[in-house]
């Protein structure tokens, strides 16, 4: 049977846990707002690049960029984006569950994040390439490392198609595993919807050439598209952790209240028992004193 001191130690332990959980909840919540702003800024930047590419397409419409062309000689590849930290097991479990349900036709698996790697290994999935996904947020160097590898393999026709599986951010309380096509990339410029006889105006100078400028912008735009998905994955992770920590904080507070009641009951029982024992000892002493007086 637990003593009231045992309950007291338990309360102190859970109070420490509660403080840690609440701190993690605040950190995750603040990071969510920060990342949402970064994603919004990236969307604005992407719109500017789209505008430039639309203007450029008036003078250069050759779509022979290797990242835009289909090929059938390589492997169908899936990139799975996950994270490095725990406390959001449901998020990664649902992500890998979506892969197990519909991802069996992929011949090559690339994973970013230790959590996704661990879940895939448990399911016996063969991973061709793995990358670290920084716990504090998606670094540009990490995104460039992945995209450089993917672009290189696709251009060399090692990959015939590349899709991405990631947890799409729907709301703070909801994240949904989503498959999206990545390469060959489909870029729909406004020119494609217009007339072929649309007049061209101006004579801009392209250095080194229209082809090289369009090629560089295309690769930059596709890389930025991938970076936005990586950031959204981190946004989903932080959102899920915020909600999980909120639930954990509520459960911890409930446990503290429950244990506090048990502590008070056990303390009251111990105090009452000591009082009864003291009263019994006192009665015995009085009885002995009375006996001596009679003698």
C-alpha atoms as a PDB file:
ATOM      1  CA  UNK A   1       0.000   0.000   0.000  1.00  0.00           C
ATOM      2  CA  UNK A   2       1.311   3.445  -0.940  1.00  0.00           C
ATOM      3  CA  UNK A   3       2.091   5.936   1.775  1.00  0.00           C
ATOM      4  CA  UNK A   4       1.207   9.605   1.479  1.00  0.00           C
ATOM      5  CA  UNK A   5       4.910  10.311   0.859  1.00  0.00           C
ATOM      6  CA  UNK A   6       4.775   8.046  -2.207  1.00  0.00           C
ATOM      7  CA  UNK A   7       1.810  10.040  -3.514  1.00  0.00           C
ATOM      8  CA  UNK A   8       3.669  13.282  -2.793  1.00  0.00           C
ATOM      9  CA  UNK A   9       6.669  12.121  -4.843  1.00  0.00           C
ATOM     10  CA  UNK A  10       4.329  11.106  -7.671  1.00  0.00           C
ATOM     11  CA  UNK A  11       2.697  14.532  -7.676  1.00  0.00           C
ATOM     12  CA  UNK A  12       6.072  16.273  -7.896  1.00  0.00           C
ATOM     13  CA  UNK A  13       7.082  13.992 -10.790  1.00  0.00           C
ATOM     14  CA  UNK A  14       3.880  14.671 -12.735  1.00  0.00           C
ATOM     15  CA  UNK A  15       4.184  18.406 -12.097  1.00  0.00           C
ATOM     16  CA  UNK A  16       7.633  18.313 -13.720  1.00  0.00           C
ATOM     17  CA  UNK A  17       6.175  16.413 -16.687  1.00  0.00           C
ATOM     18  CA  UNK A  18       3.328  18.929 -16.925  1.00  0.00           C
ATOM     19  CA  UNK A  19       5.751  21.866 -17.091  1.00  0.00           C
ATOM     20  CA  UNK A  20       7.763  20.138 -19.845  1.00  0.00           C
ATOM     21  CA  UNK A  21       4.646  19.299 -21.858  1.00  0.00           C
ATOM     22  CA  UNK A  22       3.289  22.851 -21.608  1.00  0.00           C
ATOM     23  CA  UNK A  23       6.651  24.267 -22.697  1.00  0.00           C
ATOM     24  CA  UNK A  24       6.716  21.979 -25.752  1.00  0.00           C
ATOM     25  CA  UNK A  25       3.134  22.955 -26.577  1.00  0.00           C
ATOM     26  CA  UNK A  26       4.041  26.675 -26.526  1.00  0.00           C
ATOM     27  CA  UNK A  27       7.182  26.128 -28.632  1.00  0.00           C
ATOM     28  CA  UNK A  28       5.290  24.071 -31.239  1.00  0.00           C
ATOM     29  CA  UNK A  29       2.396  26.555 -31.368  1.00  0.00           C
ATOM     30  CA  UNK A  30       4.730  29.522 -31.920  1.00  0.00           C
ATOM     31  CA  UNK A  31       6.637  27.599 -34.617  1.00  0.00           C
ATOM     32  CA  UNK A  32       3.348  26.845 -36.399  1.00  0.00           C
ATOM     33  CA  UNK A  33       2.609  30.563 -36.821  1.00  0.00           C
ATOM     34  CA  UNK A  34       6.179  31.223 -37.969  1.00  0.00           C
ATOM     35  CA  UNK A  35       6.100  28.438 -40.581  1.00  0.00           C
ATOM     36  CA  UNK A  36       2.657  29.447 -41.867  1.00  0.00           C
ATOM     37  CA  UNK A  37       4.081  32.889 -42.593  1.00  0.00           C
ATOM     38  CA  UNK A  38       7.108  31.388 -44.362  1.00  0.00           C
ATOM     39  CA  UNK A  39       4.862  29.214 -46.541  1.00  0.00           C
ATOM     40  CA  UNK A  40       2.767  32.276 -47.428  1.00  0.00           C
ATOM     41  CA  UNK A  41       5.933  34.208 -48.361  1.00  0.00           C
ATOM     42  CA  UNK A  42       7.134  31.287 -50.480  1.00  0.00           C
ATOM     43  CA  UNK A  43       3.808  31.224 -52.334  1.00  0.00           C
ATOM     44  CA  UNK A  44       4.232  34.923 -53.128  1.00  0.00           C
ATOM     45  CA  UNK A  45       7.764  34.302 -54.393  1.00  0.00           C
ATOM     46  CA  UNK A  46       6.537  31.377 -56.505  1.00  0.00           C
ATOM     47  CA  UNK A  47       3.890  33.611 -58.070  1.00  0.00           C
ATOM     48  CA  UNK A  48       6.587  36.102 -59.074  1.00  0.00           C
ATOM     49  CA  UNK A  49       8.662  33.377 -60.728  1.00  0.00           C
ATOM     50  CA  UNK A  50       5.558  32.086 -62.535  1.00  0.00           C
ATOM     51  CA  UNK A  51       4.978  35.600 -63.867  1.00  0.00           C
ATOM     52  CA  UNK A  52       8.556  35.868 -65.135  1.00  0.00           C
ATOM     53  CA  UNK A  53       8.370  32.429 -66.768  1.00  0.00           C
ATOM     54  CA  UNK A  54       5.071  33.349 -68.406  1.00  0.00           C
ATOM     55  CA  UNK A  55       6.703  36.469 -69.897  1.00  0.00           C
ATOM     56  CA  UNK A  56       9.732  34.470 -70.971  1.00  0.00           C
ATOM     57  CA  UNK A  57       7.529  31.861 -72.656  1.00  0.00           C
ATOM     58  CA  UNK A  58       6.518  34.539 -75.195  1.00  0.00           C
ATOM     59  CA  UNK A  59      10.075  34.435 -76.529  1.00  0.00           C
ATOM     60  CA  UNK A  60      11.082  30.881 -75.669  1.00  0.00           C
ATOM     61  CA  UNK A  61       8.498  28.101 -75.743  1.00  0.00           C
ATOM     62  CA  UNK A  62      10.717  25.039 -76.088  1.00  0.00           C
ATOM     63  CA  UNK A  63       9.618  22.603 -73.374  1.00  0.00           C
ATOM     64  CA  UNK A  64      12.530  20.202 -73.818  1.00  0.00           C
ATOM     65  CA  UNK A  65      13.776  20.668 -70.265  1.00  0.00           C
ATOM     66  CA  UNK A  66      14.698  17.197 -68.919  1.00  0.00           C
ATOM     67  CA  UNK A  67      12.663  17.876 -65.769  1.00  0.00           C
ATOM     68  CA  UNK A  68       9.531  18.375 -67.875  1.00  0.00           C
ATOM     69  CA  UNK A  69       9.946  15.333 -70.122  1.00  0.00           C
ATOM     70  CA  UNK A  70       8.546  11.879 -69.503  1.00  0.00           C
ATOM     71  CA  UNK A  71      10.656   8.746 -69.785  1.00  0.00           C
ATOM     72  CA  UNK A  72       9.792   5.083 -69.327  1.00  0.00           C
ATOM     73  CA  UNK A  73      13.206   3.531 -68.835  1.00  0.00           C
ATOM     74  CA  UNK A  74      13.702   4.216 -65.113  1.00  0.00           C
ATOM     75  CA  UNK A  75      12.060   3.282 -61.827  1.00  0.00           C
ATOM     76  CA  UNK A  76       8.865   4.680 -60.363  1.00  0.00           C
ATOM     77  CA  UNK A  77      10.056   6.451 -57.235  1.00  0.00           C
ATOM     78  CA  UNK A  78       8.289   7.711 -54.127  1.00  0.00           C
ATOM     79  CA  UNK A  79       9.679  10.318 -51.730  1.00  0.00           C
ATOM     80  CA  UNK A  80       8.223  10.007 -48.212  1.00  0.00           C
ATOM     81  CA  UNK A  81       8.621  13.126 -46.077  1.00  0.00           C
ATOM     82  CA  UNK A  82       8.586  12.639 -42.290  1.00  0.00           C
ATOM     83  CA  UNK A  83      10.408  14.086 -39.261  1.00  0.00           C
ATOM     84  CA  UNK A  84      13.097  13.402 -36.694  1.00  0.00           C
ATOM     85  CA  UNK A  85      11.173  13.777 -33.418  1.00  0.00           C
ATOM     86  CA  UNK A  86       8.465  11.773 -31.690  1.00  0.00           C
ATOM     87  CA  UNK A  87       5.332  12.667 -29.732  1.00  0.00           C
ATOM     88  CA  UNK A  88       3.360  12.678 -33.000  1.00  0.00           C
ATOM     89  CA  UNK A  89       3.196   8.919 -33.583  1.00  0.00           C
ATOM     90  CA  UNK A  90      -0.289   9.092 -35.043  1.00  0.00           C
ATOM     91  CA  UNK A  91       0.893  11.445 -37.802  1.00  0.00           C
ATOM     92  CA  UNK A  92       3.721   9.159 -38.989  1.00  0.00           C
ATOM     93  CA  UNK A  93       1.615   6.020 -38.493  1.00  0.00           C
ATOM     94  CA  UNK A  94      -1.098   7.407 -40.797  1.00  0.00           C
ATOM     95  CA  UNK A  95       1.541   8.457 -43.338  1.00  0.00           C
ATOM     96  CA  UNK A  96       3.093   4.977 -43.558  1.00  0.00           C
ATOM     97  CA  UNK A  97      -0.381   3.434 -43.468  1.00  0.00           C
ATOM     98  CA  UNK A  98      -1.255   5.394 -46.624  1.00  0.00           C
ATOM     99  CA  UNK A  99       1.935   4.086 -48.264  1.00  0.00           C
ATOM    100  CA  UNK A 100       1.131   0.468 -47.343  1.00  0.00           C
ATOM    101  CA  UNK A 101      -2.392   0.806 -48.751  1.00  0.00           C
ATOM    102  CA  UNK A 102      -1.614   2.359 -52.137  1.00  0.00           C
ATOM    103  CA  UNK A 103       2.159   2.602 -52.571  1.00  0.00           C
ATOM    104  CA  UNK A 104       2.975  -0.960 -53.587  1.00  0.00           C
ATOM    105  CA  UNK A 105       3.622  -0.124 -57.256  1.00  0.00           C
ATOM    106  CA  UNK A 106       6.700   2.030 -56.529  1.00  0.00           C
ATOM    107  CA  UNK A 107      10.041   0.394 -57.338  1.00  0.00           C
ATOM    108  CA  UNK A 108      12.189   2.821 -55.341  1.00  0.00           C
ATOM    109  CA  UNK A 109      11.612   4.495 -51.961  1.00  0.00           C
ATOM    110  CA  UNK A 110      13.383   7.628 -50.739  1.00  0.00           C
ATOM    111  CA  UNK A 111      12.673   8.790 -47.186  1.00  0.00           C
ATOM    112  CA  UNK A 112      13.467  12.038 -45.382  1.00  0.00           C
ATOM    113  CA  UNK A 113      13.343  11.867 -41.577  1.00  0.00           C
ATOM    114  CA  UNK A 114      14.294   9.181 -39.055  1.00  0.00           C
ATOM    115  CA  UNK A 115      10.698   8.531 -37.965  1.00  0.00           C
ATOM    116  CA  UNK A 116       9.543   7.563 -41.444  1.00  0.00           C
ATOM    117  CA  UNK A 117      12.649   5.413 -41.855  1.00  0.00           C
ATOM    118  CA  UNK A 118      11.947   3.517 -38.603  1.00  0.00           C
ATOM    119  CA  UNK A 119       8.293   2.879 -39.497  1.00  0.00           C
ATOM    120  CA  UNK A 120       9.254   1.649 -42.971  1.00  0.00           C
ATOM    121  CA  UNK A 121      11.885  -0.714 -41.547  1.00  0.00           C
ATOM    122  CA  UNK A 122       9.302  -2.165 -39.174  1.00  0.00           C
ATOM    123  CA  UNK A 123       7.103  -2.918 -42.185  1.00  0.00           C
ATOM    124  CA  UNK A 124      10.006  -4.480 -44.090  1.00  0.00           C
ATOM    125  CA  UNK A 125      10.049  -1.829 -46.839  1.00  0.00           C
ATOM    126  CA  UNK A 126      13.253  -1.467 -48.835  1.00  0.00           C
ATOM    127  CA  UNK A 127      14.674   2.068 -48.682  1.00  0.00           C
ATOM    128  CA  UNK A 128      16.965   3.084 -51.528  1.00  0.00           C
ATOM    129  CA  UNK A 129      18.048   6.469 -50.124  1.00  0.00           C
ATOM    130  CA  UNK A 130      17.512   8.312 -46.862  1.00  0.00           C
ATOM    131  CA  UNK A 131      18.016  11.924 -45.826  1.00  0.00           C
ATOM    132  CA  UNK A 132      17.934  13.689 -42.474  1.00  0.00           C
ATOM    133  CA  UNK A 133      15.121  16.172 -41.904  1.00  0.00           C
ATOM    134  CA  UNK A 134      16.343  18.773 -39.352  1.00  0.00           C
ATOM    135  CA  UNK A 135      14.204  18.736 -36.210  1.00  0.00           C
ATOM    136  CA  UNK A 136      14.186  22.519 -35.871  1.00  0.00           C
ATOM    137  CA  UNK A 137      12.921  23.209 -39.376  1.00  0.00           C
ATOM    138  CA  UNK A 138      13.661  22.562 -43.062  1.00  0.00           C
ATOM    139  CA  UNK A 139      17.092  23.967 -43.908  1.00  0.00           C
ATOM    140  CA  UNK A 140      17.791  25.170 -47.436  1.00  0.00           C
ATOM    141  CA  UNK A 141      20.905  22.948 -47.585  1.00  0.00           C
ATOM    142  CA  UNK A 142      18.821  19.864 -46.765  1.00  0.00           C
ATOM    143  CA  UNK A 143      16.238  20.711 -49.441  1.00  0.00           C
ATOM    144  CA  UNK A 144      18.979  21.348 -52.004  1.00  0.00           C
ATOM    145  CA  UNK A 145      20.686  18.062 -51.142  1.00  0.00           C
ATOM    146  CA  UNK A 146      17.486  16.104 -51.828  1.00  0.00           C
ATOM    147  CA  UNK A 147      16.489  18.014 -54.972  1.00  0.00           C
ATOM    148  CA  UNK A 148      20.026  17.839 -56.432  1.00  0.00           C
ATOM    149  CA  UNK A 149      19.976  14.056 -56.001  1.00  0.00           C
ATOM    150  CA  UNK A 150      16.454  13.670 -57.447  1.00  0.00           C
ATOM    151  CA  UNK A 151      17.113  16.006 -60.397  1.00  0.00           C
ATOM    152  CA  UNK A 152      20.352  14.221 -61.217  1.00  0.00           C
ATOM    153  CA  UNK A 153      18.797  10.747 -61.120  1.00  0.00           C
ATOM    154  CA  UNK A 154      15.788  11.870 -63.160  1.00  0.00           C
ATOM    155  CA  UNK A 155      17.952  13.520 -65.815  1.00  0.00           C
ATOM    156  CA  UNK A 156      20.033  10.329 -66.017  1.00  0.00           C
ATOM    157  CA  UNK A 157      16.747   8.400 -66.465  1.00  0.00           C
ATOM    158  CA  UNK A 158      17.350   6.335 -63.339  1.00  0.00           C
ATOM    159  CA  UNK A 159      13.884   7.487 -62.284  1.00  0.00           C
ATOM    160  CA  UNK A 160      11.020   7.463 -64.755  1.00  0.00           C
ATOM    161  CA  UNK A 161       8.612   9.166 -62.394  1.00  0.00           C
ATOM    162  CA  UNK A 162       8.864  10.742 -58.953  1.00  0.00           C
ATOM    163  CA  UNK A 163       5.917  11.219 -56.586  1.00  0.00           C
ATOM    164  CA  UNK A 164       5.825  12.643 -53.065  1.00  0.00           C
ATOM    165  CA  UNK A 165       3.932  11.353 -50.023  1.00  0.00           C
ATOM    166  CA  UNK A 166       3.650  13.870 -47.201  1.00  0.00           C
ATOM    167  CA  UNK A 167       1.203  14.949 -44.454  1.00  0.00           C
ATOM    168  CA  UNK A 168      -0.696  17.899 -45.912  1.00  0.00           C
ATOM    169  CA  UNK A 169      -1.595  20.647 -43.431  1.00  0.00           C
ATOM    170  CA  UNK A 170      -5.393  21.036 -43.349  1.00  0.00           C
ATOM    171  CA  UNK A 171      -5.817  22.708 -39.973  1.00  0.00           C
ATOM    172  CA  UNK A 172      -4.172  22.753 -36.576  1.00  0.00           C
ATOM    173  CA  UNK A 173      -6.105  19.614 -35.609  1.00  0.00           C
ATOM    174  CA  UNK A 174      -6.070  17.825 -38.976  1.00  0.00           C
ATOM    175  CA  UNK A 175      -3.282  16.598 -41.238  1.00  0.00           C
ATOM    176  CA  UNK A 176      -3.906  14.335 -44.222  1.00  0.00           C
ATOM    177  CA  UNK A 177      -1.463  11.963 -46.003  1.00  0.00           C
ATOM    178  CA  UNK A 178      -1.368  12.966 -49.681  1.00  0.00           C
ATOM    179  CA  UNK A 179       0.345  11.585 -52.803  1.00  0.00           C
ATOM    180  CA  UNK A 180       1.280  14.242 -55.370  1.00  0.00           C
ATOM    181  CA  UNK A 181       3.166  13.896 -58.682  1.00  0.00           C
ATOM    182  CA  UNK A 182       6.511  15.702 -58.740  1.00  0.00           C
ATOM    183  CA  UNK A 183       8.562  14.704 -61.805  1.00  0.00           C
ATOM    184  CA  UNK A 184       8.116  15.062 -64.692  1.00  0.00           C
ATOM    185  CA  UNK A 185       6.950  18.451 -63.502  1.00  0.00           C
ATOM    186  CA  UNK A 186       3.859  19.957 -65.123  1.00  0.00           C
ATOM    187  CA  UNK A 187       4.171  23.698 -65.560  1.00  0.00           C
ATOM    188  CA  UNK A 188       1.057  25.360 -66.953  1.00  0.00           C
ATOM    189  CA  UNK A 189       1.942  28.802 -68.239  1.00  0.00           C
ATOM    190  CA  UNK A 190      -0.761  31.311 -69.208  1.00  0.00           C
ATOM    191  CA  UNK A 191       0.479  31.094 -72.816  1.00  0.00           C
ATOM    192  CA  UNK A 192      -0.738  27.489 -73.098  1.00  0.00           C
ATOM    193  CA  UNK A 193      -4.318  28.613 -72.588  1.00  0.00           C
ATOM    194  CA  UNK A 194      -4.073  31.492 -75.062  1.00  0.00           C
ATOM    195  CA  UNK A 195      -3.835  31.833 -78.796  1.00  0.00           C
ATOM    196  CA  UNK A 196      -0.759  30.830 -80.808  1.00  0.00           C
ATOM    197  CA  UNK A 197      -1.071  34.071 -82.732  1.00  0.00           C
ATOM    198  CA  UNK A 198      -0.753  36.268 -79.672  1.00  0.00           C
ATOM    199  CA  UNK A 199       1.485  39.201 -80.631  1.00  0.00           C
ATOM    200  CA  UNK A 200       4.918  39.477 -79.035  1.00  0.00           C
ATOM    201  CA  UNK A 201       6.069  42.842 -77.858  1.00  0.00           C
ATOM    202  CA  UNK A 202       9.505  44.121 -77.046  1.00  0.00           C
ATOM    203  CA  UNK A 203      12.896  42.639 -77.717  1.00  0.00           C
ATOM    204  CA  UNK A 204      14.492  41.749 -74.352  1.00  0.00           C
ATOM    205  CA  UNK A 205      18.113  40.669 -74.136  1.00  0.00           C
ATOM    206  CA  UNK A 206      18.650  37.269 -72.483  1.00  0.00           C
ATOM    207  CA  UNK A 207      22.107  36.450 -71.171  1.00  0.00           C
ATOM    208  CA  UNK A 208      23.472  33.844 -71.656  1.00  0.00           C
ATOM    209  CA  UNK A 209      20.428  32.730 -73.708  1.00  0.00           C
ATOM    210  CA  UNK A 210      16.664  32.303 -73.534  1.00  0.00           C
ATOM    211  CA  UNK A 211      17.143  28.554 -73.245  1.00  0.00           C
ATOM    212  CA  UNK A 212      19.572  28.790 -70.318  1.00  0.00           C
ATOM    213  CA  UNK A 213      17.463  31.373 -68.477  1.00  0.00           C
ATOM    214  CA  UNK A 214      14.305  29.294 -68.890  1.00  0.00           C
ATOM    215  CA  UNK A 215      16.154  26.141 -67.818  1.00  0.00           C
ATOM    216  CA  UNK A 216      17.553  27.819 -64.680  1.00  0.00           C
ATOM    217  CA  UNK A 217      14.169  29.299 -63.736  1.00  0.00           C
ATOM    218  CA  UNK A 218      12.438  25.965 -64.296  1.00  0.00           C
ATOM    219  CA  UNK A 219      14.823  24.125 -61.973  1.00  0.00           C
ATOM    220  CA  UNK A 220      14.596  26.920 -59.395  1.00  0.00           C
ATOM    221  CA  UNK A 221      10.792  26.864 -59.486  1.00  0.00           C
ATOM    222  CA  UNK A 222      10.610  23.064 -59.128  1.00  0.00           C
ATOM    223  CA  UNK A 223      13.107  23.148 -56.262  1.00  0.00           C
ATOM    224  CA  UNK A 224      11.046  25.822 -54.534  1.00  0.00           C
ATOM    225  CA  UNK A 225       7.903  23.739 -55.057  1.00  0.00           C
ATOM    226  CA  UNK A 226       9.620  20.864 -53.252  1.00  0.00           C
ATOM    227  CA  UNK A 227      10.824  23.142 -50.464  1.00  0.00           C
ATOM    228  CA  UNK A 228       7.265  24.341 -49.884  1.00  0.00           C
ATOM    229  CA  UNK A 229       6.127  20.715 -49.462  1.00  0.00           C
ATOM    230  CA  UNK A 230       8.956  20.047 -46.983  1.00  0.00           C
ATOM    231  CA  UNK A 231       7.917  23.129 -45.002  1.00  0.00           C
ATOM    232  CA  UNK A 232       4.293  22.008 -45.036  1.00  0.00           C
ATOM    233  CA  UNK A 233       5.402  18.605 -43.693  1.00  0.00           C
ATOM    234  CA  UNK A 234       7.112  20.362 -40.800  1.00  0.00           C
ATOM    235  CA  UNK A 235       4.024  22.529 -40.333  1.00  0.00           C
ATOM    236  CA  UNK A 236       1.862  19.398 -40.051  1.00  0.00           C
ATOM    237  CA  UNK A 237       4.315  17.851 -37.585  1.00  0.00           C
ATOM    238  CA  UNK A 238       4.339  20.926 -35.346  1.00  0.00           C
ATOM    239  CA  UNK A 239       0.541  21.214 -35.512  1.00  0.00           C
ATOM    240  CA  UNK A 240       0.113  17.568 -34.529  1.00  0.00           C
ATOM    241  CA  UNK A 241       2.615  17.998 -31.684  1.00  0.00           C
ATOM    242  CA  UNK A 242       0.806  21.117 -30.430  1.00  0.00           C
ATOM    243  CA  UNK A 243      -2.495  19.234 -30.239  1.00  0.00           C
ATOM    244  CA  UNK A 244      -0.840  16.144 -28.720  1.00  0.00           C
ATOM    245  CA  UNK A 245       0.869  18.239 -26.037  1.00  0.00           C
ATOM    246  CA  UNK A 246      -2.405  20.018 -25.293  1.00  0.00           C
ATOM    247  CA  UNK A 247      -4.105  16.657 -24.702  1.00  0.00           C
ATOM    248  CA  UNK A 248      -1.127  15.399 -22.694  1.00  0.00           C
ATOM    249  CA  UNK A 249      -1.208  18.540 -20.541  1.00  0.00           C
ATOM    250  CA  UNK A 250      -4.921  18.044 -19.811  1.00  0.00           C
ATOM    251  CA  UNK A 251      -4.383  14.362 -18.946  1.00  0.00           C
ATOM    252  CA  UNK A 252      -1.412  15.208 -16.723  1.00  0.00           C
ATOM    253  CA  UNK A 253      -3.447  17.813 -14.841  1.00  0.00           C
ATOM    254  CA  UNK A 254      -6.208  15.230 -14.315  1.00  0.00           C
ATOM    255  CA  UNK A 255      -3.681  12.718 -12.951  1.00  0.00           C
ATOM    256  CA  UNK A 256      -2.211  15.338 -10.628  1.00  0.00           C
ATOM    257  CA  UNK A 257      -5.689  16.121  -9.246  1.00  0.00           C
ATOM    258  CA  UNK A 258      -6.465  12.419  -8.782  1.00  0.00           C
ATOM    259  CA  UNK A 259      -3.172  11.672  -7.064  1.00  0.00           C
ATOM    260  CA  UNK A 260      -3.538  14.817  -4.937  1.00  0.00           C
ATOM    261  CA  UNK A 261      -6.869  13.479  -3.614  1.00  0.00           C
ATOM    262  CA  UNK A 262      -5.260  10.137  -2.833  1.00  0.00           C
ATOM    263  CA  UNK A 263      -2.385  11.971  -1.167  1.00  0.00           C
ATOM    264  CA  UNK A 264      -4.761  13.980   1.034  1.00  0.00           C
ATOM    265  CA  UNK A 265      -6.779  10.874   1.957  1.00  0.00           C
ATOM    266  CA  UNK A 266      -3.674   8.880   2.820  1.00  0.00           C
ATOM    267  CA  UNK A 267      -2.174  11.809   4.747  1.00  0.00           C
ATOM    268  CA  UNK A 268      -5.420  12.279   6.681  1.00  0.00           C
ATOM    269  CA  UNK A 269      -5.530   8.549   7.408  1.00  0.00           C
ATOM    270  CA  UNK A 270      -1.924   8.563   8.612  1.00  0.00           C
ATOM    271  CA  UNK A 271      -2.542  11.607  10.839  1.00  0.00           C
ATOM    272  CA  UNK A 272      -5.716  10.043  12.272  1.00  0.00           C
ATOM    273  CA  UNK A 273      -3.874   6.785  12.954  1.00  0.00           C
ATOM    274  CA  UNK A 274      -1.086   8.643  14.769  1.00  0.00           C
ATOM    275  CA  UNK A 275      -3.647  10.559  16.816  1.00  0.00           C
ATOM    276  CA  UNK A 276      -5.416   7.314  17.776  1.00  0.00           C
ATOM    277  CA  UNK A 277      -2.111   5.683  18.695  1.00  0.00           C
ATOM    278  CA  UNK A 278      -1.136   8.725  20.787  1.00  0.00           C
ATOM    279  CA  UNK A 279      -4.541   8.665  22.505  1.00  0.00           C
ATOM    280  CA  UNK A 280      -4.203   4.931  23.219  1.00  0.00           C
ATOM    281  CA  UNK A 281      -0.702   5.387  24.663  1.00  0.00           C
ATOM    282  CA  UNK A 282      -1.965   8.300  26.748  1.00  0.00           C
ATOM    283  CA  UNK A 283      -4.853   6.177  28.149  1.00  0.00           C
ATOM    284  CA  UNK A 284      -2.441   3.376  29.022  1.00  0.00           C
ATOM    285  CA  UNK A 285      -0.198   5.807  30.876  1.00  0.00           C
ATOM    286  CA  UNK A 286      -3.181   7.228  32.816  1.00  0.00           C
ATOM    287  CA  UNK A 287      -4.339   3.696  33.671  1.00  0.00           C
ATOM    288  CA  UNK A 288      -0.925   2.735  35.009  1.00  0.00           C
ATOM    289  CA  UNK A 289      -0.716   5.924  37.047  1.00  0.00           C
ATOM    290  CA  UNK A 290      -4.133   5.169  38.623  1.00  0.00           C
ATOM    291  CA  UNK A 291      -3.006   1.659  39.520  1.00  0.00           C
ATOM    292  CA  UNK A 292       0.108   3.010  41.281  1.00  0.00           C
ATOM    293  CA  UNK A 293      -2.006   5.473  43.265  1.00  0.00           C
ATOM    294  CA  UNK A 294      -4.288   2.682  44.494  1.00  0.00           C
ATOM    295  CA  UNK A 295      -1.332   0.609  45.502  1.00  0.00           C
END
